[in-house]
Amino acid sequence: MVIDEETSYVTGGVYREIVPNERLVYAWGATDGWPRLDLASLDESPQVTIMLVGNAERTEMSVHVELPADLPDDGVPGWWPMVRSGMQDTVNRLALELGSAPAPA
Protein backbone atom coordinates (compact mmCIF):
# COMPACT_ATOMS: atom_id res chain seq x y z
CA MET A 1 0.00 0.00 0.00
CA VAL A 2 1.50 3.32 -1.06
CA ILE A 3 0.15 6.46 0.56
CA ASP A 4 2.70 8.96 -0.75
CA GLU A 5 6.40 9.13 -1.61
CA GLU A 6 7.41 8.81 2.05
CA THR A 7 4.71 6.46 3.35
CA SER A 8 4.13 2.87 2.31
CA TYR A 9 3.56 -0.45 4.02
CA VAL A 10 3.16 -4.12 3.21
CA THR A 11 -0.41 -5.40 3.17
CA GLY A 12 -2.21 -8.26 1.54
CA GLY A 13 -4.62 -11.04 2.18
CA VAL A 14 -5.89 -14.50 1.34
CA TYR A 15 -9.24 -14.87 -0.37
CA ARG A 16 -11.53 -17.18 1.58
CA GLU A 17 -14.71 -16.81 -0.46
CA ILE A 18 -15.40 -15.47 -3.93
CA VAL A 19 -18.96 -15.17 -5.21
CA PRO A 20 -18.76 -13.45 -8.61
CA ASN A 21 -20.63 -10.14 -8.77
CA GLU A 22 -21.75 -10.48 -5.13
CA ARG A 23 -19.11 -10.99 -2.45
CA LEU A 24 -15.41 -11.24 -1.63
CA VAL A 25 -14.21 -12.41 1.77
CA TYR A 26 -10.56 -12.40 2.70
CA ALA A 27 -8.22 -12.66 5.65
CA TRP A 28 -6.36 -9.34 5.71
CA GLY A 29 -2.79 -8.66 6.76
CA ALA A 30 0.80 -9.34 5.79
CA THR A 31 3.17 -12.15 6.68
CA ASP A 32 5.85 -9.58 7.56
CA GLY A 33 3.64 -6.64 8.48
CA TRP A 34 0.68 -5.51 10.53
CA PRO A 35 -1.79 -6.89 11.04
CA ARG A 36 0.15 -10.14 10.97
CA LEU A 37 -1.21 -12.74 8.58
CA ASP A 38 -0.43 -16.32 9.55
CA LEU A 39 -1.26 -18.63 6.65
CA ALA A 40 -1.71 -21.54 9.08
CA SER A 41 -4.39 -19.71 11.12
CA LEU A 42 -6.32 -17.35 8.88
CA ASP A 43 -9.19 -17.08 11.38
CA GLU A 44 -6.87 -15.11 13.67
CA SER A 45 -6.50 -12.31 11.10
CA PRO A 46 -8.95 -9.49 10.46
CA GLN A 47 -11.66 -10.69 8.08
CA VAL A 48 -12.85 -8.36 5.34
CA THR A 49 -16.14 -8.83 3.51
CA ILE A 50 -16.90 -6.80 0.41
CA MET A 51 -20.52 -6.92 -0.73
CA LEU A 52 -21.63 -5.79 -4.19
CA VAL A 53 -25.25 -4.93 -4.97
CA GLY A 54 -25.95 -3.75 -8.48
CA ASN A 55 -28.68 -2.72 -10.80
CA ALA A 56 -28.64 -1.76 -14.46
CA GLU A 57 -26.88 1.57 -13.81
CA ARG A 58 -24.78 1.37 -10.63
CA THR A 59 -23.14 -0.98 -8.17
CA GLU A 60 -23.07 -0.28 -4.45
CA MET A 61 -20.07 -1.66 -2.60
CA SER A 62 -19.91 -2.07 1.17
CA VAL A 63 -16.84 -3.09 3.13
CA HIS A 64 -17.04 -4.76 6.54
CA VAL A 65 -13.91 -5.42 8.62
CA GLU A 66 -14.20 -7.87 11.51
CA LEU A 67 -11.32 -7.79 13.97
CA PRO A 68 -10.41 -11.02 15.77
CA ALA A 69 -11.42 -11.14 19.44
CA ASP A 70 -7.83 -11.63 20.62
CA LEU A 71 -6.38 -8.71 18.66
CA PRO A 72 -4.77 -6.36 21.19
CA ASP A 73 -6.94 -3.25 21.15
CA ASP A 74 -4.28 -0.91 22.52
CA GLY A 75 -3.17 0.02 19.01
CA VAL A 76 -6.54 0.00 17.24
CA PRO A 77 -7.48 3.65 17.96
CA GLY A 78 -4.13 4.77 16.57
CA TRP A 79 -4.07 2.79 13.33
CA TRP A 80 -7.77 2.44 12.48
CA PRO A 81 -8.22 6.03 11.16
CA MET A 82 -5.26 5.47 8.80
CA VAL A 83 -6.62 2.10 7.63
CA ARG A 84 -10.12 3.52 7.09
CA SER A 85 -8.71 6.48 5.18
CA GLY A 86 -6.52 4.19 3.06
CA MET A 87 -9.44 1.91 2.24
CA GLN A 88 -11.59 4.93 1.31
CA ASP A 89 -8.81 6.32 -0.92
CA THR A 90 -8.54 2.94 -2.65
CA VAL A 91 -12.30 2.79 -3.26
CA ASN A 92 -12.27 6.37 -4.58
CA ARG A 93 -9.44 5.50 -7.01
CA LEU A 94 -11.45 2.47 -8.19
CA ALA A 95 -14.53 4.64 -8.72
CA LEU A 96 -12.50 7.15 -10.74
CA GLU A 97 -10.99 4.35 -12.83
CA LEU A 98 -14.45 2.98 -13.53
CA GLY A 99 -15.76 6.45 -14.39
CA SER A 100 -17.97 6.90 -11.33
CA ALA A 101 -17.88 9.67 -8.78
CA PRO A 102 -16.90 8.38 -5.32
CA ALA A 103 -19.55 8.37 -2.62
CA PRO A 104 -19.12 10.97 0.11
CA ALA A 105 -17.02 9.72 3.04
C-alpha atoms as a PDB file:
ATOM      1  CA  MET A   1       0.000   0.000   0.000  1.00  0.00           C
ATOM      2  CA  VAL A   2       1.504   3.318  -1.063  1.00  0.00           C
ATOM      3  CA  ILE A   3       0.147   6.456   0.563  1.00  0.00           C
ATOM      4  CA  ASP A   4       2.697   8.962  -0.751  1.00  0.00           C
ATOM      5  CA  GLU A   5       6.404   9.133  -1.605  1.00  0.00           C
ATOM      6  CA  GLU A   6       7.411   8.814   2.050  1.00  0.00           C
ATOM      7  CA  THR A   7       4.709   6.465   3.353  1.00  0.00           C
ATOM      8  CA  SER A   8       4.126   2.871   2.305  1.00  0.00           C
ATOM      9  CA  TYR A   9       3.561  -0.446   4.018  1.00  0.00           C
ATOM     10  CA  VAL A  10       3.160  -4.115   3.207  1.00  0.00           C
ATOM     11  CA  THR A  11      -0.410  -5.403   3.171  1.00  0.00           C
ATOM     12  CA  GLY A  12      -2.213  -8.263   1.541  1.00  0.00           C
ATOM     13  CA  GLY A  13      -4.621 -11.044   2.184  1.00  0.00           C
ATOM     14  CA  VAL A  14      -5.886 -14.495   1.341  1.00  0.00           C
ATOM     15  CA  TYR A  15      -9.241 -14.873  -0.374  1.00  0.00           C
ATOM     16  CA  ARG A  16     -11.531 -17.179   1.578  1.00  0.00           C
ATOM     17  CA  GLU A  17     -14.708 -16.810  -0.455  1.00  0.00           C
ATOM     18  CA  ILE A  18     -15.397 -15.475  -3.928  1.00  0.00           C
ATOM     19  CA  VAL A  19     -18.959 -15.167  -5.210  1.00  0.00           C
ATOM     20  CA  PRO A  20     -18.758 -13.445  -8.609  1.00  0.00           C
ATOM     21  CA  ASN A  21     -20.628 -10.138  -8.771  1.00  0.00           C
ATOM     22  CA  GLU A  22     -21.746 -10.477  -5.131  1.00  0.00           C
ATOM     23  CA  ARG A  23     -19.111 -10.988  -2.453  1.00  0.00           C
ATOM     24  CA  LEU A  24     -15.409 -11.236  -1.634  1.00  0.00           C
ATOM     25  CA  VAL A  25     -14.215 -12.415   1.765  1.00  0.00           C
ATOM     26  CA  TYR A  26     -10.560 -12.398   2.703  1.00  0.00           C
ATOM     27  CA  ALA A  27      -8.219 -12.663   5.655  1.00  0.00           C
ATOM     28  CA  TRP A  28      -6.365  -9.342   5.710  1.00  0.00           C
ATOM     29  CA  GLY A  29      -2.790  -8.657   6.758  1.00  0.00           C
ATOM     30  CA  ALA A  30       0.797  -9.343   5.789  1.00  0.00           C
ATOM     31  CA  THR A  31       3.174 -12.151   6.682  1.00  0.00           C
ATOM     32  CA  ASP A  32       5.855  -9.583   7.560  1.00  0.00           C
ATOM     33  CA  GLY A  33       3.640  -6.637   8.478  1.00  0.00           C
ATOM     34  CA  TRP A  34       0.685  -5.507  10.533  1.00  0.00           C
ATOM     35  CA  PRO A  35      -1.788  -6.893  11.040  1.00  0.00           C
ATOM     36  CA  ARG A  36       0.149 -10.143  10.968  1.00  0.00           C
ATOM     37  CA  LEU A  37      -1.207 -12.739   8.578  1.00  0.00           C
ATOM     38  CA  ASP A  38      -0.429 -16.324   9.550  1.00  0.00           C
ATOM     39  CA  LEU A  39      -1.260 -18.627   6.652  1.00  0.00           C
ATOM     40  CA  ALA A  40      -1.713 -21.538   9.084  1.00  0.00           C
ATOM     41  CA  SER A  41      -4.390 -19.708  11.125  1.00  0.00           C
ATOM     42  CA  LEU A  42      -6.323 -17.348   8.880  1.00  0.00           C
ATOM     43  CA  ASP A  43      -9.191 -17.085  11.383  1.00  0.00           C
ATOM     44  CA  GLU A  44      -6.867 -15.112  13.673  1.00  0.00           C
ATOM     45  CA  SER A  45      -6.497 -12.311  11.100  1.00  0.00           C
ATOM     46  CA  PRO A  46      -8.950  -9.493  10.463  1.00  0.00           C
ATOM     47  CA  GLN A  47     -11.657 -10.693   8.079  1.00  0.00           C
ATOM     48  CA  VAL A  48     -12.847  -8.360   5.336  1.00  0.00           C
ATOM     49  CA  THR A  49     -16.139  -8.832   3.506  1.00  0.00           C
ATOM     50  CA  ILE A  50     -16.903  -6.800   0.407  1.00  0.00           C
ATOM     51  CA  MET A  51     -20.522  -6.923  -0.727  1.00  0.00           C
ATOM     52  CA  LEU A  52     -21.627  -5.788  -4.190  1.00  0.00           C
ATOM     53  CA  VAL A  53     -25.250  -4.930  -4.971  1.00  0.00           C
ATOM     54  CA  GLY A  54     -25.948  -3.755  -8.476  1.00  0.00           C
ATOM     55  CA  ASN A  55     -28.682  -2.717 -10.802  1.00  0.00           C
ATOM     56  CA  ALA A  56     -28.639  -1.755 -14.460  1.00  0.00           C
ATOM     57  CA  GLU A  57     -26.877   1.568 -13.810  1.00  0.00           C
ATOM     58  CA  ARG A  58     -24.778   1.371 -10.632  1.00  0.00           C
ATOM     59  CA  THR A  59     -23.142  -0.980  -8.172  1.00  0.00           C
ATOM     60  CA  GLU A  60     -23.069  -0.277  -4.447  1.00  0.00           C
ATOM     61  CA  MET A  61     -20.071  -1.662  -2.604  1.00  0.00           C
ATOM     62  CA  SER A  62     -19.911  -2.071   1.167  1.00  0.00           C
ATOM     63  CA  VAL A  63     -16.844  -3.089   3.134  1.00  0.00           C
ATOM     64  CA  HIS A  64     -17.044  -4.761   6.541  1.00  0.00           C
ATOM     65  CA  VAL A  65     -13.913  -5.418   8.623  1.00  0.00           C
ATOM     66  CA  GLU A  66     -14.196  -7.869  11.507  1.00  0.00           C
ATOM     67  CA  LEU A  67     -11.321  -7.791  13.967  1.00  0.00           C
ATOM     68  CA  PRO A  68     -10.410 -11.015  15.773  1.00  0.00           C
ATOM     69  CA  ALA A  69     -11.423 -11.138  19.440  1.00  0.00           C
ATOM     70  CA  ASP A  70      -7.832 -11.627  20.625  1.00  0.00           C
ATOM     71  CA  LEU A  71      -6.383  -8.710  18.657  1.00  0.00           C
ATOM     72  CA  PRO A  72      -4.769  -6.357  21.186  1.00  0.00           C
ATOM     73  CA  ASP A  73      -6.944  -3.248  21.153  1.00  0.00           C
ATOM     74  CA  ASP A  74      -4.277  -0.910  22.516  1.00  0.00           C
ATOM     75  CA  GLY A  75      -3.165   0.025  19.007  1.00  0.00           C
ATOM     76  CA  VAL A  76      -6.538   0.002  17.241  1.00  0.00           C
ATOM     77  CA  PRO A  77      -7.479   3.645  17.960  1.00  0.00           C
ATOM     78  CA  GLY A  78      -4.127   4.769  16.569  1.00  0.00           C
ATOM     79  CA  TRP A  79      -4.069   2.788  13.331  1.00  0.00           C
ATOM     80  CA  TRP A  80      -7.767   2.437  12.477  1.00  0.00           C
ATOM     81  CA  PRO A  81      -8.225   6.030  11.158  1.00  0.00           C
ATOM     82  CA  MET A  82      -5.265   5.469   8.802  1.00  0.00           C
ATOM     83  CA  VAL A  83      -6.624   2.105   7.633  1.00  0.00           C
ATOM     84  CA  ARG A  84     -10.117   3.517   7.095  1.00  0.00           C
ATOM     85  CA  SER A  85      -8.710   6.480   5.182  1.00  0.00           C
ATOM     86  CA  GLY A  86      -6.521   4.193   3.057  1.00  0.00           C
ATOM     87  CA  MET A  87      -9.437   1.914   2.239  1.00  0.00           C
ATOM     88  CA  GLN A  88     -11.587   4.926   1.309  1.00  0.00           C
ATOM     89  CA  ASP A  89      -8.810   6.318  -0.918  1.00  0.00           C
ATOM     90  CA  THR A  90      -8.538   2.943  -2.655  1.00  0.00           C
ATOM     91  CA  VAL A  91     -12.301   2.791  -3.260  1.00  0.00           C
ATOM     92  CA  ASN A  92     -12.265   6.370  -4.585  1.00  0.00           C
ATOM     93  CA  ARG A  93      -9.441   5.503  -7.014  1.00  0.00           C
ATOM     94  CA  LEU A  94     -11.446   2.474  -8.190  1.00  0.00           C
ATOM     95  CA  ALA A  95     -14.530   4.635  -8.721  1.00  0.00           C
ATOM     96  CA  LEU A  96     -12.500   7.147 -10.738  1.00  0.00           C
ATOM     97  CA  GLU A  97     -10.988   4.350 -12.828  1.00  0.00           C
ATOM     98  CA  LEU A  98     -14.453   2.983 -13.527  1.00  0.00           C
ATOM     99  CA  GLY A  99     -15.758   6.448 -14.393  1.00  0.00           C
ATOM    100  CA  SER A 100     -17.968   6.897 -11.326  1.00  0.00           C
ATOM    101  CA  ALA A 101     -17.884   9.675  -8.779  1.00  0.00           C
ATOM    102  CA  PRO A 102     -16.904   8.385  -5.324  1.00  0.00           C
ATOM    103  CA  ALA A 103     -19.550   8.373  -2.621  1.00  0.00           C
ATOM    104  CA  PRO A 104     -19.121  10.968   0.105  1.00  0.00           C
ATOM    105  CA  ALA A 105     -17.017   9.722   3.040  1.00  0.00           C
END
